[in-house]
């Protein structure tokens, strides 16, 4: 049955109508624990191929200082099953529309194409900063000082006084090594145009500042460290330069206790103080004053459009 869809021509508001027909025996489906895949086969005019590909793989666009990457064209009626691959073949290979001398740029053209669309339950693309998100485990190892440390037997402290040399620890005994687990976050973006490399360089090695409801991964301020990016330059479906970018962050959440505060979460700017037996902020000289070991920054700037100036609802300047 013939079907019509509309796709906008690049650089204009003109909508081009694409007519196509699903052939008999289509669609087909397959399912497993990894998700669902499907395949449709269309017959459509050869001249509509480019426009159909644009509709199926929309390039990222800019809106309110953010990159909006719409999902690929979905399977009809199944929005979570989106286009993964398109294969184009001549409908009747032996019936091209003209001789080789009259074909477009030396390539054969035909009246119709056989277009095979493969669908998969791919990760949601959506709006930056919500690219595909991968989490792995990590760890940091630290050696705790032995001051005031004692062995314990049956839940009771063996050494009643620090003078009991046979039972209290000294420098020749076992090292007290503590494992600090971390959560390693990777955000992957496909076809990101003009990434804000200046902000990426500026915020390398910084920790997350409090941004209210916009806190990345809902991480407490100071617990998320920006490690950097990995990327590869390529092209989108319009032939424009675009990047596949992976942002990497490390989240450290140390569960501890502070007098007067009770149970507290400590982050990257907290270090173990052997005199007090707790985690405390360390300051260092900075710009004529004092600053923390890791500077704070607004991580939302990592995902803004290069050169864009925008204030969000909380009044943060998202200048890129």
C-alpha atoms as a PDB file:
ATOM      1  CA  UNK A   1       0.000   0.000   0.000  1.00  0.00           C
ATOM      2  CA  UNK A   2       1.514   3.354  -1.013  1.00  0.00           C
ATOM      3  CA  UNK A   3       2.593   5.593   1.875  1.00  0.00           C
ATOM      4  CA  UNK A   4       3.654   9.236   1.961  1.00  0.00           C
ATOM      5  CA  UNK A   5       6.000  10.902   4.426  1.00  0.00           C
ATOM      6  CA  UNK A   6       7.391  14.417   4.628  1.00  0.00           C
ATOM      7  CA  UNK A   7      10.997  15.489   5.164  1.00  0.00           C
ATOM      8  CA  UNK A   8      12.421  19.004   5.272  1.00  0.00           C
ATOM      9  CA  UNK A   9      14.995  19.959   2.689  1.00  0.00           C
ATOM     10  CA  UNK A  10      18.282  21.030   4.334  1.00  0.00           C
ATOM     11  CA  UNK A  11      18.647  24.798   4.756  1.00  0.00           C
ATOM     12  CA  UNK A  12      14.996  25.504   3.889  1.00  0.00           C
ATOM     13  CA  UNK A  13      11.519  25.186   5.374  1.00  0.00           C
ATOM     14  CA  UNK A  14      10.343  23.303   2.304  1.00  0.00           C
ATOM     15  CA  UNK A  15       8.819  19.886   2.982  1.00  0.00           C
ATOM     16  CA  UNK A  16       9.468  17.260   0.334  1.00  0.00           C
ATOM     17  CA  UNK A  17       6.896  14.491   0.133  1.00  0.00           C
ATOM     18  CA  UNK A  18       8.322  10.993  -0.259  1.00  0.00           C
ATOM     19  CA  UNK A  19       6.068   8.242  -1.610  1.00  0.00           C
ATOM     20  CA  UNK A  20       6.972   4.619  -0.981  1.00  0.00           C
ATOM     21  CA  UNK A  21       5.337   1.208  -0.860  1.00  0.00           C
ATOM     22  CA  UNK A  22       6.087  -1.687   1.486  1.00  0.00           C
ATOM     23  CA  UNK A  23       6.472  -4.914  -0.462  1.00  0.00           C
ATOM     24  CA  UNK A  24       4.974  -8.300   0.358  1.00  0.00           C
ATOM     25  CA  UNK A  25       6.813 -10.364   2.960  1.00  0.00           C
ATOM     26  CA  UNK A  26       7.771  -7.236   4.902  1.00  0.00           C
ATOM     27  CA  UNK A  27       8.154  -6.602   7.815  1.00  0.00           C
ATOM     28  CA  UNK A  28      10.072  -9.294   9.702  1.00  0.00           C
ATOM     29  CA  UNK A  29      11.066  -9.360  13.388  1.00  0.00           C
ATOM     30  CA  UNK A  30      13.560 -11.081  15.668  1.00  0.00           C
ATOM     31  CA  UNK A  31      13.764 -10.952  19.457  1.00  0.00           C
ATOM     32  CA  UNK A  32      16.326 -11.982  22.070  1.00  0.00           C
ATOM     33  CA  UNK A  33      17.482 -10.989  25.543  1.00  0.00           C
ATOM     34  CA  UNK A  34      19.470  -8.198  23.889  1.00  0.00           C
ATOM     35  CA  UNK A  35      16.360  -6.560  22.413  1.00  0.00           C
ATOM     36  CA  UNK A  36      14.235  -6.590  19.278  1.00  0.00           C
ATOM     37  CA  UNK A  37      15.292  -6.134  15.665  1.00  0.00           C
ATOM     38  CA  UNK A  38      13.066  -5.660  12.630  1.00  0.00           C
ATOM     39  CA  UNK A  39      13.356  -5.215   8.881  1.00  0.00           C
ATOM     40  CA  UNK A  40      11.160  -3.466   6.342  1.00  0.00           C
ATOM     41  CA  UNK A  41      11.583  -3.376   2.576  1.00  0.00           C
ATOM     42  CA  UNK A  42      10.234  -0.436   0.585  1.00  0.00           C
ATOM     43  CA  UNK A  43       9.864   0.367  -3.064  1.00  0.00           C
ATOM     44  CA  UNK A  44      10.394   4.097  -3.612  1.00  0.00           C
ATOM     45  CA  UNK A  45      11.441   6.518  -6.365  1.00  0.00           C
ATOM     46  CA  UNK A  46      15.189   6.571  -6.908  1.00  0.00           C
ATOM     47  CA  UNK A  47      15.150  10.366  -6.651  1.00  0.00           C
ATOM     48  CA  UNK A  48      13.795  10.171  -3.069  1.00  0.00           C
ATOM     49  CA  UNK A  49      16.676   8.159  -1.606  1.00  0.00           C
ATOM     50  CA  UNK A  50      18.739  11.105  -0.292  1.00  0.00           C
ATOM     51  CA  UNK A  51      15.736  12.703   1.368  1.00  0.00           C
ATOM     52  CA  UNK A  52      14.663   9.448   2.973  1.00  0.00           C
ATOM     53  CA  UNK A  53      18.152   8.953   4.433  1.00  0.00           C
ATOM     54  CA  UNK A  54      18.047  12.481   5.911  1.00  0.00           C
ATOM     55  CA  UNK A  55      14.716  11.687   7.519  1.00  0.00           C
ATOM     56  CA  UNK A  56      16.020   8.379   8.879  1.00  0.00           C
ATOM     57  CA  UNK A  57      19.289   9.782  10.301  1.00  0.00           C
ATOM     58  CA  UNK A  58      18.551  13.403  11.314  1.00  0.00           C
ATOM     59  CA  UNK A  59      21.653  15.502  12.051  1.00  0.00           C
ATOM     60  CA  UNK A  60      21.975  17.318  15.372  1.00  0.00           C
ATOM     61  CA  UNK A  61      20.523  20.836  15.514  1.00  0.00           C
ATOM     62  CA  UNK A  62      21.037  23.759  17.886  1.00  0.00           C
ATOM     63  CA  UNK A  63      18.336  24.988  20.274  1.00  0.00           C
ATOM     64  CA  UNK A  64      18.708  27.139  23.408  1.00  0.00           C
ATOM     65  CA  UNK A  65      22.480  26.693  23.432  1.00  0.00           C
ATOM     66  CA  UNK A  66      22.170  22.904  23.393  1.00  0.00           C
ATOM     67  CA  UNK A  67      22.552  20.283  20.682  1.00  0.00           C
ATOM     68  CA  UNK A  68      19.331  18.412  20.012  1.00  0.00           C
ATOM     69  CA  UNK A  69      19.884  15.012  18.415  1.00  0.00           C
ATOM     70  CA  UNK A  70      16.511  13.557  17.495  1.00  0.00           C
ATOM     71  CA  UNK A  71      16.080   9.806  17.436  1.00  0.00           C
ATOM     72  CA  UNK A  72      16.522   8.042  14.131  1.00  0.00           C
ATOM     73  CA  UNK A  73      13.373   7.255  12.179  1.00  0.00           C
ATOM     74  CA  UNK A  74      11.326   4.744  14.232  1.00  0.00           C
ATOM     75  CA  UNK A  75       9.530   1.635  13.080  1.00  0.00           C
ATOM     76  CA  UNK A  76       5.882   2.641  12.465  1.00  0.00           C
ATOM     77  CA  UNK A  77       4.005   2.438  15.768  1.00  0.00           C
ATOM     78  CA  UNK A  78       7.098   1.374  17.760  1.00  0.00           C
ATOM     79  CA  UNK A  79       8.987   4.527  18.813  1.00  0.00           C
ATOM     80  CA  UNK A  80      11.704   2.620  20.715  1.00  0.00           C
ATOM     81  CA  UNK A  81      12.623   0.565  17.668  1.00  0.00           C
ATOM     82  CA  UNK A  82      14.677   2.926  15.518  1.00  0.00           C
ATOM     83  CA  UNK A  83      16.593   2.810  12.251  1.00  0.00           C
ATOM     84  CA  UNK A  84      20.017   1.208  12.552  1.00  0.00           C
ATOM     85  CA  UNK A  85      20.962   0.691   8.889  1.00  0.00           C
ATOM     86  CA  UNK A  86      19.611   1.384   5.387  1.00  0.00           C
ATOM     87  CA  UNK A  87      20.568  -0.585   2.267  1.00  0.00           C
ATOM     88  CA  UNK A  88      19.659   0.708  -1.201  1.00  0.00           C
ATOM     89  CA  UNK A  89      19.514  -1.427  -4.348  1.00  0.00           C
ATOM     90  CA  UNK A  90      18.006  -0.915  -7.810  1.00  0.00           C
ATOM     91  CA  UNK A  91      14.448  -2.220  -8.012  1.00  0.00           C
ATOM     92  CA  UNK A  92      15.102  -3.665 -11.493  1.00  0.00           C
ATOM     93  CA  UNK A  93      18.892  -3.668 -12.011  1.00  0.00           C
ATOM     94  CA  UNK A  94      18.624  -4.296 -15.763  1.00  0.00           C
ATOM     95  CA  UNK A  95      16.371  -1.266 -16.370  1.00  0.00           C
ATOM     96  CA  UNK A  96      18.272   1.915 -15.665  1.00  0.00           C
ATOM     97  CA  UNK A  97      16.746   5.204 -16.762  1.00  0.00           C
ATOM     98  CA  UNK A  98      19.398   6.128 -19.307  1.00  0.00           C
ATOM     99  CA  UNK A  99      22.712   5.247 -20.877  1.00  0.00           C
ATOM    100  CA  UNK A 100      25.957   5.622 -18.901  1.00  0.00           C
ATOM    101  CA  UNK A 101      26.616   8.942 -20.638  1.00  0.00           C
ATOM    102  CA  UNK A 102      23.371  10.400 -19.300  1.00  0.00           C
ATOM    103  CA  UNK A 103      23.522   9.221 -15.716  1.00  0.00           C
ATOM    104  CA  UNK A 104      24.038  11.539 -12.746  1.00  0.00           C
ATOM    105  CA  UNK A 105      27.750  12.148 -12.100  1.00  0.00           C
ATOM    106  CA  UNK A 106      28.583   8.966 -13.976  1.00  0.00           C
ATOM    107  CA  UNK A 107      26.434   6.785 -11.660  1.00  0.00           C
ATOM    108  CA  UNK A 108      23.542   4.717 -12.968  1.00  0.00           C
ATOM    109  CA  UNK A 109      20.073   5.915 -11.997  1.00  0.00           C
ATOM    110  CA  UNK A 110      16.823   3.971 -11.942  1.00  0.00           C
ATOM    111  CA  UNK A 111      13.153   4.705 -11.722  1.00  0.00           C
ATOM    112  CA  UNK A 112      12.744   2.969  -8.361  1.00  0.00           C
ATOM    113  CA  UNK A 113      14.860   1.613  -5.537  1.00  0.00           C
ATOM    114  CA  UNK A 114      14.549  -1.368  -3.233  1.00  0.00           C
ATOM    115  CA  UNK A 115      15.247   0.127   0.228  1.00  0.00           C
ATOM    116  CA  UNK A 116      15.892  -2.228   3.158  1.00  0.00           C
ATOM    117  CA  UNK A 117      15.600  -0.654   6.612  1.00  0.00           C
ATOM    118  CA  UNK A 118      17.032  -2.517   9.588  1.00  0.00           C
ATOM    119  CA  UNK A 119      15.718  -1.462  13.001  1.00  0.00           C
ATOM    120  CA  UNK A 120      17.068  -2.114  16.485  1.00  0.00           C
ATOM    121  CA  UNK A 121      16.255  -1.122  20.057  1.00  0.00           C
ATOM    122  CA  UNK A 122      19.190   1.265  20.138  1.00  0.00           C
ATOM    123  CA  UNK A 123      20.013   3.541  23.121  1.00  0.00           C
ATOM    124  CA  UNK A 124      18.066   6.772  23.278  1.00  0.00           C
ATOM    125  CA  UNK A 125      19.886   9.698  21.674  1.00  0.00           C
ATOM    126  CA  UNK A 126      17.768  12.708  22.625  1.00  0.00           C
ATOM    127  CA  UNK A 127      19.010  15.982  24.058  1.00  0.00           C
ATOM    128  CA  UNK A 128      22.551  16.679  25.223  1.00  0.00           C
ATOM    129  CA  UNK A 129      23.646  16.181  28.023  1.00  0.00           C
ATOM    130  CA  UNK A 130      21.704  12.929  27.910  1.00  0.00           C
ATOM    131  CA  UNK A 131      23.732  10.886  25.449  1.00  0.00           C
ATOM    132  CA  UNK A 132      24.206   7.144  25.856  1.00  0.00           C
ATOM    133  CA  UNK A 133      25.548   6.517  29.339  1.00  0.00           C
ATOM    134  CA  UNK A 134      27.933   3.726  30.334  1.00  0.00           C
ATOM    135  CA  UNK A 135      29.029   2.975  33.906  1.00  0.00           C
ATOM    136  CA  UNK A 136      32.021   0.918  35.015  1.00  0.00           C
ATOM    137  CA  UNK A 137      33.746   0.366  38.338  1.00  0.00           C
ATOM    138  CA  UNK A 138      36.978   1.918  39.543  1.00  0.00           C
ATOM    139  CA  UNK A 139      38.959   2.258  42.746  1.00  0.00           C
ATOM    140  CA  UNK A 140      41.546   4.391  44.497  1.00  0.00           C
ATOM    141  CA  UNK A 141      43.932   2.941  47.073  1.00  0.00           C
ATOM    142  CA  UNK A 142      45.178   5.007  50.007  1.00  0.00           C
ATOM    143  CA  UNK A 143      47.417   4.156  52.972  1.00  0.00           C
ATOM    144  CA  UNK A 144      45.946   5.339  56.272  1.00  0.00           C
ATOM    145  CA  UNK A 145      48.283   6.664  58.990  1.00  0.00           C
ATOM    146  CA  UNK A 146      48.719   4.396  62.017  1.00  0.00           C
ATOM    147  CA  UNK A 147      48.270   7.072  64.648  1.00  0.00           C
ATOM    148  CA  UNK A 148      45.700   5.909  67.252  1.00  0.00           C
ATOM    149  CA  UNK A 149      45.130   2.589  65.427  1.00  0.00           C
ATOM    150  CA  UNK A 150      44.839  -0.599  67.469  1.00  0.00           C
ATOM    151  CA  UNK A 151      44.094  -4.274  66.919  1.00  0.00           C
ATOM    152  CA  UNK A 152      40.680  -5.562  68.002  1.00  0.00           C
ATOM    153  CA  UNK A 153      39.741  -9.022  69.288  1.00  0.00           C
ATOM    154  CA  UNK A 154      36.131 -10.162  69.654  1.00  0.00           C
ATOM    155  CA  UNK A 155      34.915  -6.620  69.045  1.00  0.00           C
ATOM    156  CA  UNK A 156      36.956  -5.166  71.904  1.00  0.00           C
ATOM    157  CA  UNK A 157      40.083  -3.049  71.726  1.00  0.00           C
ATOM    158  CA  UNK A 158      43.021  -5.186  72.824  1.00  0.00           C
ATOM    159  CA  UNK A 159      45.282  -2.292  73.778  1.00  0.00           C
ATOM    160  CA  UNK A 160      43.804  -0.253  76.613  1.00  0.00           C
ATOM    161  CA  UNK A 161      46.642   2.248  76.492  1.00  0.00           C
ATOM    162  CA  UNK A 162      49.074   3.387  73.766  1.00  0.00           C
ATOM    163  CA  UNK A 163      51.918   2.156  75.986  1.00  0.00           C
ATOM    164  CA  UNK A 164      51.041  -1.494  75.408  1.00  0.00           C
ATOM    165  CA  UNK A 165      53.758  -1.967  72.774  1.00  0.00           C
ATOM    166  CA  UNK A 166      52.903  -5.604  72.135  1.00  0.00           C
ATOM    167  CA  UNK A 167      49.368  -4.822  70.995  1.00  0.00           C
ATOM    168  CA  UNK A 168      49.385  -1.364  69.419  1.00  0.00           C
ATOM    169  CA  UNK A 169      50.586  -0.884  65.837  1.00  0.00           C
ATOM    170  CA  UNK A 170      53.976   0.484  64.989  1.00  0.00           C
ATOM    171  CA  UNK A 171      55.772   1.321  61.750  1.00  0.00           C
ATOM    172  CA  UNK A 172      57.008  -2.258  61.302  1.00  0.00           C
ATOM    173  CA  UNK A 173      53.556  -3.804  61.190  1.00  0.00           C
ATOM    174  CA  UNK A 174      51.010  -4.222  58.396  1.00  0.00           C
ATOM    175  CA  UNK A 175      50.143  -1.255  56.181  1.00  0.00           C
ATOM    176  CA  UNK A 176      46.541  -0.087  56.541  1.00  0.00           C
ATOM    177  CA  UNK A 177      45.347   0.206  52.951  1.00  0.00           C
ATOM    178  CA  UNK A 178      41.819   1.444  52.283  1.00  0.00           C
ATOM    179  CA  UNK A 179      40.040   0.922  48.976  1.00  0.00           C
ATOM    180  CA  UNK A 180      37.917   3.893  47.860  1.00  0.00           C
ATOM    181  CA  UNK A 181      35.475   2.609  45.177  1.00  0.00           C
ATOM    182  CA  UNK A 182      34.612   4.983  42.340  1.00  0.00           C
ATOM    183  CA  UNK A 183      31.943   5.058  39.648  1.00  0.00           C
ATOM    184  CA  UNK A 184      33.408   5.662  36.186  1.00  0.00           C
ATOM    185  CA  UNK A 185      30.918   7.422  33.878  1.00  0.00           C
ATOM    186  CA  UNK A 186      31.167   7.644  30.083  1.00  0.00           C
ATOM    187  CA  UNK A 187      28.760   9.782  28.029  1.00  0.00           C
ATOM    188  CA  UNK A 188      28.810   8.981  24.298  1.00  0.00           C
ATOM    189  CA  UNK A 189      27.473  11.361  21.631  1.00  0.00           C
ATOM    190  CA  UNK A 190      27.152  10.608  17.933  1.00  0.00           C
ATOM    191  CA  UNK A 191      27.544  13.250  15.222  1.00  0.00           C
ATOM    192  CA  UNK A 192      28.045  16.198  17.588  1.00  0.00           C
ATOM    193  CA  UNK A 193      28.724  19.325  15.506  1.00  0.00           C
ATOM    194  CA  UNK A 194      31.371  21.777  16.660  1.00  0.00           C
ATOM    195  CA  UNK A 195      31.996  20.548  20.230  1.00  0.00           C
ATOM    196  CA  UNK A 196      32.974  23.272  22.758  1.00  0.00           C
ATOM    197  CA  UNK A 197      36.656  22.342  22.886  1.00  0.00           C
ATOM    198  CA  UNK A 198      37.557  25.574  24.698  1.00  0.00           C
ATOM    199  CA  UNK A 199      35.283  24.690  27.622  1.00  0.00           C
ATOM    200  CA  UNK A 200      36.460  21.099  27.555  1.00  0.00           C
ATOM    201  CA  UNK A 201      40.081  22.229  27.925  1.00  0.00           C
ATOM    202  CA  UNK A 202      39.151  24.817  30.551  1.00  0.00           C
ATOM    203  CA  UNK A 203      37.290  22.317  32.729  1.00  0.00           C
ATOM    204  CA  UNK A 204      39.721  19.404  32.559  1.00  0.00           C
ATOM    205  CA  UNK A 205      40.483  18.199  36.069  1.00  0.00           C
ATOM    206  CA  UNK A 206      37.660  20.147  37.728  1.00  0.00           C
ATOM    207  CA  UNK A 207      34.895  18.846  39.982  1.00  0.00           C
ATOM    208  CA  UNK A 208      31.185  19.513  39.681  1.00  0.00           C
ATOM    209  CA  UNK A 209      29.755  22.664  41.195  1.00  0.00           C
ATOM    210  CA  UNK A 210      26.242  22.627  42.621  1.00  0.00           C
ATOM    211  CA  UNK A 211      23.780  23.189  39.753  1.00  0.00           C
ATOM    212  CA  UNK A 212      20.621  22.192  41.597  1.00  0.00           C
ATOM    213  CA  UNK A 213      18.374  19.925  39.559  1.00  0.00           C
ATOM    214  CA  UNK A 214      20.889  20.056  36.677  1.00  0.00           C
ATOM    215  CA  UNK A 215      23.601  18.150  38.596  1.00  0.00           C
ATOM    216  CA  UNK A 216      25.045  15.622  36.164  1.00  0.00           C
ATOM    217  CA  UNK A 217      24.067  12.045  37.144  1.00  0.00           C
ATOM    218  CA  UNK A 218      22.495  13.644  40.280  1.00  0.00           C
ATOM    219  CA  UNK A 219      25.981  13.540  41.846  1.00  0.00           C
ATOM    220  CA  UNK A 220      26.609  15.579  44.980  1.00  0.00           C
ATOM    221  CA  UNK A 221      28.767  18.692  44.408  1.00  0.00           C
ATOM    222  CA  UNK A 222      32.480  17.933  44.552  1.00  0.00           C
ATOM    223  CA  UNK A 223      32.109  14.183  43.977  1.00  0.00           C
ATOM    224  CA  UNK A 224      32.380  14.171  40.158  1.00  0.00           C
ATOM    225  CA  UNK A 225      35.754  14.758  38.471  1.00  0.00           C
ATOM    226  CA  UNK A 226      35.971  15.566  34.736  1.00  0.00           C
ATOM    227  CA  UNK A 227      38.761  13.386  33.337  1.00  0.00           C
ATOM    228  CA  UNK A 228      38.577  14.444  29.676  1.00  0.00           C
ATOM    229  CA  UNK A 229      37.284  13.209  26.323  1.00  0.00           C
ATOM    230  CA  UNK A 230      37.936  10.733  23.545  1.00  0.00           C
ATOM    231  CA  UNK A 231      36.655  11.507  20.066  1.00  0.00           C
ATOM    232  CA  UNK A 232      36.813  10.962  16.346  1.00  0.00           C
ATOM    233  CA  UNK A 233      36.036  13.490  13.635  1.00  0.00           C
ATOM    234  CA  UNK A 234      33.711  12.402  10.850  1.00  0.00           C
ATOM    235  CA  UNK A 235      30.702  13.568   8.843  1.00  0.00           C
ATOM    236  CA  UNK A 236      26.942  13.499   9.317  1.00  0.00           C
ATOM    237  CA  UNK A 237      24.320  12.602   6.701  1.00  0.00           C
ATOM    238  CA  UNK A 238      24.520  16.150   5.299  1.00  0.00           C
ATOM    239  CA  UNK A 239      28.253  15.808   4.680  1.00  0.00           C
ATOM    240  CA  UNK A 240      29.018  18.316   7.460  1.00  0.00           C
ATOM    241  CA  UNK A 241      31.849  17.843   9.934  1.00  0.00           C
ATOM    242  CA  UNK A 242      30.666  16.160  13.138  1.00  0.00           C
ATOM    243  CA  UNK A 243      32.315  14.399  16.046  1.00  0.00           C
ATOM    244  CA  UNK A 244      31.681  11.172  17.896  1.00  0.00           C
ATOM    245  CA  UNK A 245      32.627  12.234  21.429  1.00  0.00           C
ATOM    246  CA  UNK A 246      32.973  10.357  24.719  1.00  0.00           C
ATOM    247  CA  UNK A 247      33.089  12.408  27.936  1.00  0.00           C
ATOM    248  CA  UNK A 248      34.673  10.646  30.924  1.00  0.00           C
ATOM    249  CA  UNK A 249      33.961  11.374  34.594  1.00  0.00           C
ATOM    250  CA  UNK A 250      34.968   9.709  37.850  1.00  0.00           C
ATOM    251  CA  UNK A 251      32.616   9.823  40.847  1.00  0.00           C
ATOM    252  CA  UNK A 252      34.095   9.443  44.339  1.00  0.00           C
ATOM    253  CA  UNK A 253      31.704   9.157  47.287  1.00  0.00           C
ATOM    254  CA  UNK A 254      33.451   8.528  50.615  1.00  0.00           C
ATOM    255  CA  UNK A 255      31.069   7.673  53.419  1.00  0.00           C
ATOM    256  CA  UNK A 256      32.369   9.187  56.626  1.00  0.00           C
ATOM    257  CA  UNK A 257      31.569  11.001  59.839  1.00  0.00           C
ATOM    258  CA  UNK A 258      32.276  14.559  60.915  1.00  0.00           C
ATOM    259  CA  UNK A 259      31.723  15.840  64.451  1.00  0.00           C
ATOM    260  CA  UNK A 260      28.649  18.043  64.489  1.00  0.00           C
ATOM    261  CA  UNK A 261      27.555  16.873  61.021  1.00  0.00           C
ATOM    262  CA  UNK A 262      27.088  13.153  61.511  1.00  0.00           C
ATOM    263  CA  UNK A 263      27.203  10.866  58.469  1.00  0.00           C
ATOM    264  CA  UNK A 264      28.640  12.812  55.545  1.00  0.00           C
ATOM    265  CA  UNK A 265      29.560  12.192  51.910  1.00  0.00           C
ATOM    266  CA  UNK A 266      33.085  13.362  51.061  1.00  0.00           C
ATOM    267  CA  UNK A 267      34.412  13.950  47.551  1.00  0.00           C
ATOM    268  CA  UNK A 268      37.551  14.729  45.583  1.00  0.00           C
ATOM    269  CA  UNK A 269      38.549  17.756  47.674  1.00  0.00           C
ATOM    270  CA  UNK A 270      38.531  15.817  50.958  1.00  0.00           C
ATOM    271  CA  UNK A 271      41.675  14.167  52.301  1.00  0.00           C
ATOM    272  CA  UNK A 272      42.246  12.039  55.383  1.00  0.00           C
ATOM    273  CA  UNK A 273      43.532  14.006  58.390  1.00  0.00           C
ATOM    274  CA  UNK A 274      45.431  11.661  60.698  1.00  0.00           C
ATOM    275  CA  UNK A 275      45.202  14.141  63.565  1.00  0.00           C
ATOM    276  CA  UNK A 276      41.395  14.164  63.598  1.00  0.00           C
ATOM    277  CA  UNK A 277      40.750  10.758  62.024  1.00  0.00           C
ATOM    278  CA  UNK A 278      38.309  12.182  59.476  1.00  0.00           C
ATOM    279  CA  UNK A 279      38.152  13.561  55.936  1.00  0.00           C
ATOM    280  CA  UNK A 280      38.659  17.296  55.547  1.00  0.00           C
ATOM    281  CA  UNK A 281      39.002  19.869  52.765  1.00  0.00           C
ATOM    282  CA  UNK A 282      42.575  20.845  51.925  1.00  0.00           C
ATOM    283  CA  UNK A 283      43.250  24.385  50.716  1.00  0.00           C
ATOM    284  CA  UNK A 284      46.183  25.669  48.688  1.00  0.00           C
ATOM    285  CA  UNK A 285      47.414  29.129  47.681  1.00  0.00           C
ATOM    286  CA  UNK A 286      45.579  30.410  44.632  1.00  0.00           C
ATOM    287  CA  UNK A 287      45.362  33.855  43.001  1.00  0.00           C
ATOM    288  CA  UNK A 288      46.467  35.696  46.128  1.00  0.00           C
ATOM    289  CA  UNK A 289      44.092  33.723  48.314  1.00  0.00           C
ATOM    290  CA  UNK A 290      43.238  30.111  49.015  1.00  0.00           C
ATOM    291  CA  UNK A 291      41.536  27.482  46.918  1.00  0.00           C
ATOM    292  CA  UNK A 292      40.734  23.788  46.988  1.00  0.00           C
ATOM    293  CA  UNK A 293      42.938  21.155  45.371  1.00  0.00           C
ATOM    294  CA  UNK A 294      40.376  20.660  42.572  1.00  0.00           C
ATOM    295  CA  UNK A 295      38.652  23.740  41.152  1.00  0.00           C
ATOM    296  CA  UNK A 296      34.873  23.689  40.738  1.00  0.00           C
ATOM    297  CA  UNK A 297      33.047  24.321  37.478  1.00  0.00           C
ATOM    298  CA  UNK A 298      29.580  24.123  35.912  1.00  0.00           C
ATOM    299  CA  UNK A 299      29.519  20.906  33.914  1.00  0.00           C
ATOM    300  CA  UNK A 300      26.528  22.024  31.837  1.00  0.00           C
ATOM    301  CA  UNK A 301      28.978  24.225  29.902  1.00  0.00           C
ATOM    302  CA  UNK A 302      30.637  21.075  28.570  1.00  0.00           C
ATOM    303  CA  UNK A 303      27.615  20.416  26.378  1.00  0.00           C
ATOM    304  CA  UNK A 304      26.688  23.896  25.148  1.00  0.00           C
ATOM    305  CA  UNK A 305      26.986  25.075  21.558  1.00  0.00           C
ATOM    306  CA  UNK A 306      30.334  26.732  20.839  1.00  0.00           C
ATOM    307  CA  UNK A 307      30.039  30.547  21.019  1.00  0.00           C
ATOM    308  CA  UNK A 308      26.515  30.511  22.432  1.00  0.00           C
ATOM    309  CA  UNK A 309      25.444  32.732  25.354  1.00  0.00           C
ATOM    310  CA  UNK A 310      22.425  31.668  27.356  1.00  0.00           C
ATOM    311  CA  UNK A 311      21.135  31.883  30.919  1.00  0.00           C
ATOM    312  CA  UNK A 312      19.114  28.970  32.189  1.00  0.00           C
ATOM    313  CA  UNK A 313      16.255  29.169  34.677  1.00  0.00           C
ATOM    314  CA  UNK A 314      18.715  29.275  37.591  1.00  0.00           C
ATOM    315  CA  UNK A 315      20.570  32.243  36.116  1.00  0.00           C
ATOM    316  CA  UNK A 316      23.761  30.373  35.214  1.00  0.00           C
ATOM    317  CA  UNK A 317      25.629  31.889  32.288  1.00  0.00           C
ATOM    318  CA  UNK A 318      26.161  29.109  29.743  1.00  0.00           C
ATOM    319  CA  UNK A 319      28.619  31.022  27.590  1.00  0.00           C
ATOM    320  CA  UNK A 320      30.498  28.574  25.398  1.00  0.00           C
END
